[in-house]
Amino acid sequence: MDQYQYLLLMAGCLLLTLPLEFVLGARVWRRPRRLLLALLPVVVVYGVWDVVAIARGTWDYSERYTTGILLPFAMPLEELVFFVVIPICGLLTYEAVGNTLGWLRARRTTAAAPVERGA
Protein backbone atom coordinates (compact mmCIF):
# COMPACT_ATOMS: atom_id res chain seq x y z
CA MET A 1 0.00 0.00 0.00
CA ASP A 2 2.94 2.36 0.61
CA GLN A 3 3.61 2.61 -3.12
CA TYR A 4 0.24 4.27 -3.66
CA GLN A 5 0.53 6.89 -0.89
CA TYR A 6 1.59 9.69 -3.23
CA LEU A 7 -1.24 9.01 -5.68
CA LEU A 8 -3.74 8.66 -2.83
CA LEU A 9 -2.62 12.02 -1.47
CA MET A 10 -3.22 13.62 -4.89
CA ALA A 11 -6.66 11.99 -5.09
CA GLY A 12 -7.43 13.34 -1.61
CA CYS A 13 -6.45 16.85 -2.70
CA LEU A 14 -8.83 16.64 -5.65
CA LEU A 15 -11.64 15.20 -3.54
CA LEU A 16 -11.32 17.98 -0.98
CA THR A 17 -11.37 20.79 -3.54
CA LEU A 18 -13.83 19.31 -6.06
CA PRO A 19 -16.90 20.52 -4.11
CA LEU A 20 -15.71 24.10 -4.68
CA GLU A 21 -16.73 23.63 -8.32
CA PHE A 22 -20.33 22.96 -7.38
CA VAL A 23 -20.89 24.63 -4.00
CA LEU A 24 -19.07 27.91 -4.61
CA GLY A 25 -19.28 27.97 -8.42
CA ALA A 26 -15.55 27.85 -9.17
CA ARG A 27 -16.26 26.89 -12.82
CA VAL A 28 -12.78 25.44 -13.38
CA TRP A 29 -13.92 22.12 -14.84
CA ARG A 30 -16.61 23.84 -16.95
CA ARG A 31 -13.95 25.77 -18.90
CA PRO A 32 -11.63 23.01 -20.17
CA ARG A 33 -9.77 25.20 -22.68
CA ARG A 34 -8.94 27.76 -20.02
CA LEU A 35 -7.89 24.98 -17.62
CA LEU A 36 -5.60 23.46 -20.25
CA LEU A 37 -4.03 26.85 -20.99
CA ALA A 38 -3.36 27.30 -17.27
CA LEU A 39 -1.91 23.81 -16.81
CA LEU A 40 0.27 23.63 -19.91
CA PRO A 41 3.00 26.08 -18.80
CA VAL A 42 3.16 24.50 -15.34
CA VAL A 43 3.48 20.97 -16.67
CA VAL A 44 6.07 21.93 -19.29
CA VAL A 45 8.28 24.18 -17.13
CA TYR A 46 8.25 22.03 -14.02
CA GLY A 47 8.39 18.83 -16.04
CA VAL A 48 11.60 19.95 -17.75
CA TRP A 49 13.00 21.18 -14.45
CA ASP A 50 12.23 17.83 -12.81
CA VAL A 51 13.73 15.79 -15.66
CA VAL A 52 16.93 17.85 -15.58
CA ALA A 53 17.21 17.48 -11.79
CA ILE A 54 16.69 13.71 -12.03
CA ALA A 55 19.25 13.38 -14.84
CA ARG A 56 21.84 15.41 -12.88
CA GLY A 57 21.22 13.40 -9.73
CA THR A 58 19.99 16.45 -7.83
CA TRP A 59 17.07 14.44 -6.52
CA ASP A 60 15.35 11.12 -6.87
CA TYR A 61 12.17 9.45 -5.68
CA SER A 62 11.57 6.75 -3.13
CA GLU A 63 10.62 3.45 -4.71
CA ARG A 64 8.76 2.66 -1.50
CA TYR A 65 6.24 5.49 -1.99
CA THR A 66 5.90 5.48 -5.77
CA THR A 67 4.41 2.94 -8.16
CA GLY A 68 7.60 2.51 -10.18
CA ILE A 69 5.86 3.65 -13.36
CA LEU A 70 8.33 5.90 -15.16
CA LEU A 71 7.46 8.31 -17.93
CA PRO A 72 9.97 9.35 -20.59
CA PHE A 73 13.24 10.71 -19.18
CA ALA A 74 12.73 8.68 -15.96
CA MET A 75 10.06 10.98 -14.52
CA PRO A 76 7.83 9.10 -12.07
CA LEU A 77 4.14 9.07 -12.93
CA GLU A 78 3.42 10.64 -9.56
CA GLU A 79 5.38 13.78 -10.49
CA LEU A 80 3.25 14.41 -13.57
CA VAL A 81 0.13 13.80 -11.51
CA PHE A 82 1.40 16.35 -8.97
CA PHE A 83 2.04 18.95 -11.70
CA VAL A 84 -1.56 18.56 -12.86
CA VAL A 85 -3.47 18.06 -9.61
CA ILE A 86 -1.97 20.79 -7.42
CA PRO A 87 -2.56 23.62 -9.95
CA ILE A 88 -6.15 22.39 -10.43
CA CYS A 89 -6.69 22.48 -6.66
CA GLY A 90 -5.17 25.96 -6.57
CA LEU A 91 -7.41 27.18 -9.38
CA LEU A 92 -10.50 25.74 -7.72
CA THR A 93 -9.60 27.48 -4.47
CA TYR A 94 -8.74 30.78 -6.19
CA GLU A 95 -11.99 30.88 -8.17
CA ALA A 96 -14.09 29.87 -5.15
CA VAL A 97 -12.53 32.59 -2.99
CA GLY A 98 -13.04 35.15 -5.79
CA ASN A 99 -16.69 34.18 -6.11
CA THR A 100 -17.23 34.33 -2.36
CA LEU A 101 -15.64 37.77 -2.10
CA GLY A 102 -17.77 38.94 -5.05
CA TRP A 103 -20.94 37.74 -3.32
CA LEU A 104 -19.91 39.47 -0.09
CA ARG A 105 -19.22 42.75 -1.95
CA ALA A 106 -22.60 42.52 -3.67
CA ARG A 107 -24.37 41.96 -0.33
CA ARG A 108 -22.60 44.94 1.22
CA THR A 109 -23.52 47.14 -1.73
CA THR A 110 -27.15 46.02 -1.57
CA ALA A 111 -27.31 46.47 2.21
CA ALA A 112 -25.76 49.95 2.01
CA ALA A 113 -28.08 51.21 -0.75
CA PRO A 114 -30.56 53.83 0.43
CA VAL A 115 -34.17 52.75 0.66
CA GLU A 116 -36.50 54.70 -1.63
CA ARG A 117 -39.81 55.82 -0.22
CA GLY A 118 -42.86 56.54 -2.31
CA ALA A 119 -44.25 60.09 -2.23
C-alpha atoms as a PDB file:
ATOM      1  CA  MET A   1       0.000   0.000   0.000  1.00  0.00           C
ATOM      2  CA  ASP A   2       2.941   2.357   0.614  1.00  0.00           C
ATOM      3  CA  GLN A   3       3.612   2.612  -3.117  1.00  0.00           C
ATOM      4  CA  TYR A   4       0.241   4.273  -3.657  1.00  0.00           C
ATOM      5  CA  GLN A   5       0.526   6.890  -0.894  1.00  0.00           C
ATOM      6  CA  TYR A   6       1.591   9.694  -3.230  1.00  0.00           C
ATOM      7  CA  LEU A   7      -1.240   9.005  -5.677  1.00  0.00           C
ATOM      8  CA  LEU A   8      -3.742   8.660  -2.834  1.00  0.00           C
ATOM      9  CA  LEU A   9      -2.621  12.018  -1.466  1.00  0.00           C
ATOM     10  CA  MET A  10      -3.215  13.618  -4.891  1.00  0.00           C
ATOM     11  CA  ALA A  11      -6.657  11.985  -5.093  1.00  0.00           C
ATOM     12  CA  GLY A  12      -7.427  13.336  -1.612  1.00  0.00           C
ATOM     13  CA  CYS A  13      -6.447  16.850  -2.696  1.00  0.00           C
ATOM     14  CA  LEU A  14      -8.828  16.638  -5.647  1.00  0.00           C
ATOM     15  CA  LEU A  15     -11.640  15.196  -3.542  1.00  0.00           C
ATOM     16  CA  LEU A  16     -11.319  17.981  -0.979  1.00  0.00           C
ATOM     17  CA  THR A  17     -11.367  20.788  -3.540  1.00  0.00           C
ATOM     18  CA  LEU A  18     -13.831  19.313  -6.056  1.00  0.00           C
ATOM     19  CA  PRO A  19     -16.902  20.523  -4.109  1.00  0.00           C
ATOM     20  CA  LEU A  20     -15.707  24.096  -4.683  1.00  0.00           C
ATOM     21  CA  GLU A  21     -16.729  23.627  -8.321  1.00  0.00           C
ATOM     22  CA  PHE A  22     -20.330  22.962  -7.375  1.00  0.00           C
ATOM     23  CA  VAL A  23     -20.890  24.627  -3.998  1.00  0.00           C
ATOM     24  CA  LEU A  24     -19.071  27.911  -4.613  1.00  0.00           C
ATOM     25  CA  GLY A  25     -19.282  27.970  -8.416  1.00  0.00           C
ATOM     26  CA  ALA A  26     -15.547  27.849  -9.175  1.00  0.00           C
ATOM     27  CA  ARG A  27     -16.257  26.888 -12.824  1.00  0.00           C
ATOM     28  CA  VAL A  28     -12.778  25.439 -13.376  1.00  0.00           C
ATOM     29  CA  TRP A  29     -13.922  22.123 -14.842  1.00  0.00           C
ATOM     30  CA  ARG A  30     -16.607  23.844 -16.947  1.00  0.00           C
ATOM     31  CA  ARG A  31     -13.948  25.766 -18.898  1.00  0.00           C
ATOM     32  CA  PRO A  32     -11.626  23.011 -20.165  1.00  0.00           C
ATOM     33  CA  ARG A  33      -9.766  25.195 -22.683  1.00  0.00           C
ATOM     34  CA  ARG A  34      -8.944  27.757 -20.020  1.00  0.00           C
ATOM     35  CA  LEU A  35      -7.892  24.982 -17.625  1.00  0.00           C
ATOM     36  CA  LEU A  36      -5.598  23.462 -20.245  1.00  0.00           C
ATOM     37  CA  LEU A  37      -4.025  26.853 -20.985  1.00  0.00           C
ATOM     38  CA  ALA A  38      -3.361  27.302 -17.267  1.00  0.00           C
ATOM     39  CA  LEU A  39      -1.911  23.809 -16.813  1.00  0.00           C
ATOM     40  CA  LEU A  40       0.273  23.630 -19.907  1.00  0.00           C
ATOM     41  CA  PRO A  41       3.000  26.077 -18.802  1.00  0.00           C
ATOM     42  CA  VAL A  42       3.159  24.498 -15.340  1.00  0.00           C
ATOM     43  CA  VAL A  43       3.483  20.968 -16.668  1.00  0.00           C
ATOM     44  CA  VAL A  44       6.067  21.934 -19.294  1.00  0.00           C
ATOM     45  CA  VAL A  45       8.277  24.179 -17.129  1.00  0.00           C
ATOM     46  CA  TYR A  46       8.255  22.028 -14.015  1.00  0.00           C
ATOM     47  CA  GLY A  47       8.389  18.826 -16.043  1.00  0.00           C
ATOM     48  CA  VAL A  48      11.599  19.954 -17.749  1.00  0.00           C
ATOM     49  CA  TRP A  49      13.001  21.182 -14.447  1.00  0.00           C
ATOM     50  CA  ASP A  50      12.230  17.829 -12.814  1.00  0.00           C
ATOM     51  CA  VAL A  51      13.725  15.787 -15.658  1.00  0.00           C
ATOM     52  CA  VAL A  52      16.934  17.848 -15.585  1.00  0.00           C
ATOM     53  CA  ALA A  53      17.206  17.475 -11.795  1.00  0.00           C
ATOM     54  CA  ILE A  54      16.687  13.714 -12.030  1.00  0.00           C
ATOM     55  CA  ALA A  55      19.254  13.377 -14.836  1.00  0.00           C
ATOM     56  CA  ARG A  56      21.841  15.413 -12.884  1.00  0.00           C
ATOM     57  CA  GLY A  57      21.224  13.396  -9.729  1.00  0.00           C
ATOM     58  CA  THR A  58      19.993  16.452  -7.827  1.00  0.00           C
ATOM     59  CA  TRP A  59      17.072  14.439  -6.522  1.00  0.00           C
ATOM     60  CA  ASP A  60      15.350  11.124  -6.874  1.00  0.00           C
ATOM     61  CA  TYR A  61      12.169   9.448  -5.681  1.00  0.00           C
ATOM     62  CA  SER A  62      11.573   6.745  -3.134  1.00  0.00           C
ATOM     63  CA  GLU A  63      10.616   3.452  -4.715  1.00  0.00           C
ATOM     64  CA  ARG A  64       8.762   2.664  -1.501  1.00  0.00           C
ATOM     65  CA  TYR A  65       6.237   5.493  -1.989  1.00  0.00           C
ATOM     66  CA  THR A  66       5.897   5.485  -5.773  1.00  0.00           C
ATOM     67  CA  THR A  67       4.412   2.935  -8.155  1.00  0.00           C
ATOM     68  CA  GLY A  68       7.596   2.514 -10.179  1.00  0.00           C
ATOM     69  CA  ILE A  69       5.864   3.647 -13.365  1.00  0.00           C
ATOM     70  CA  LEU A  70       8.327   5.895 -15.161  1.00  0.00           C
ATOM     71  CA  LEU A  71       7.455   8.314 -17.932  1.00  0.00           C
ATOM     72  CA  PRO A  72       9.973   9.353 -20.586  1.00  0.00           C
ATOM     73  CA  PHE A  73      13.240  10.709 -19.177  1.00  0.00           C
ATOM     74  CA  ALA A  74      12.731   8.682 -15.959  1.00  0.00           C
ATOM     75  CA  MET A  75      10.062  10.984 -14.516  1.00  0.00           C
ATOM     76  CA  PRO A  76       7.831   9.101 -12.073  1.00  0.00           C
ATOM     77  CA  LEU A  77       4.137   9.074 -12.930  1.00  0.00           C
ATOM     78  CA  GLU A  78       3.423  10.643  -9.557  1.00  0.00           C
ATOM     79  CA  GLU A  79       5.377  13.775 -10.489  1.00  0.00           C
ATOM     80  CA  LEU A  80       3.255  14.407 -13.573  1.00  0.00           C
ATOM     81  CA  VAL A  81       0.133  13.799 -11.512  1.00  0.00           C
ATOM     82  CA  PHE A  82       1.401  16.353  -8.965  1.00  0.00           C
ATOM     83  CA  PHE A  83       2.043  18.955 -11.699  1.00  0.00           C
ATOM     84  CA  VAL A  84      -1.560  18.560 -12.865  1.00  0.00           C
ATOM     85  CA  VAL A  85      -3.469  18.061  -9.605  1.00  0.00           C
ATOM     86  CA  ILE A  86      -1.969  20.792  -7.422  1.00  0.00           C
ATOM     87  CA  PRO A  87      -2.564  23.616  -9.946  1.00  0.00           C
ATOM     88  CA  ILE A  88      -6.146  22.392 -10.433  1.00  0.00           C
ATOM     89  CA  CYS A  89      -6.689  22.484  -6.665  1.00  0.00           C
ATOM     90  CA  GLY A  90      -5.165  25.958  -6.569  1.00  0.00           C
ATOM     91  CA  LEU A  91      -7.411  27.179  -9.385  1.00  0.00           C
ATOM     92  CA  LEU A  92     -10.501  25.737  -7.721  1.00  0.00           C
ATOM     93  CA  THR A  93      -9.601  27.484  -4.473  1.00  0.00           C
ATOM     94  CA  TYR A  94      -8.740  30.778  -6.193  1.00  0.00           C
ATOM     95  CA  GLU A  95     -11.988  30.876  -8.166  1.00  0.00           C
ATOM     96  CA  ALA A  96     -14.087  29.868  -5.153  1.00  0.00           C
ATOM     97  CA  VAL A  97     -12.533  32.593  -2.988  1.00  0.00           C
ATOM     98  CA  GLY A  98     -13.042  35.147  -5.787  1.00  0.00           C
ATOM     99  CA  ASN A  99     -16.694  34.185  -6.110  1.00  0.00           C
ATOM    100  CA  THR A 100     -17.229  34.326  -2.362  1.00  0.00           C
ATOM    101  CA  LEU A 101     -15.642  37.770  -2.105  1.00  0.00           C
ATOM    102  CA  GLY A 102     -17.775  38.942  -5.051  1.00  0.00           C
ATOM    103  CA  TRP A 103     -20.940  37.744  -3.321  1.00  0.00           C
ATOM    104  CA  LEU A 104     -19.910  39.471  -0.089  1.00  0.00           C
ATOM    105  CA  ARG A 105     -19.224  42.745  -1.949  1.00  0.00           C
ATOM    106  CA  ALA A 106     -22.601  42.522  -3.671  1.00  0.00           C
ATOM    107  CA  ARG A 107     -24.370  41.958  -0.334  1.00  0.00           C
ATOM    108  CA  ARG A 108     -22.603  44.942   1.222  1.00  0.00           C
ATOM    109  CA  THR A 109     -23.517  47.140  -1.728  1.00  0.00           C
ATOM    110  CA  THR A 110     -27.146  46.022  -1.566  1.00  0.00           C
ATOM    111  CA  ALA A 111     -27.307  46.474   2.210  1.00  0.00           C
ATOM    112  CA  ALA A 112     -25.756  49.950   2.011  1.00  0.00           C
ATOM    113  CA  ALA A 113     -28.083  51.213  -0.747  1.00  0.00           C
ATOM    114  CA  PRO A 114     -30.565  53.827   0.434  1.00  0.00           C
ATOM    115  CA  VAL A 115     -34.173  52.748   0.659  1.00  0.00           C
ATOM    116  CA  GLU A 116     -36.499  54.698  -1.633  1.00  0.00           C
ATOM    117  CA  ARG A 117     -39.811  55.825  -0.221  1.00  0.00           C
ATOM    118  CA  GLY A 118     -42.857  56.541  -2.312  1.00  0.00           C
ATOM    119  CA  ALA A 119     -44.249  60.086  -2.232  1.00  0.00           C
END
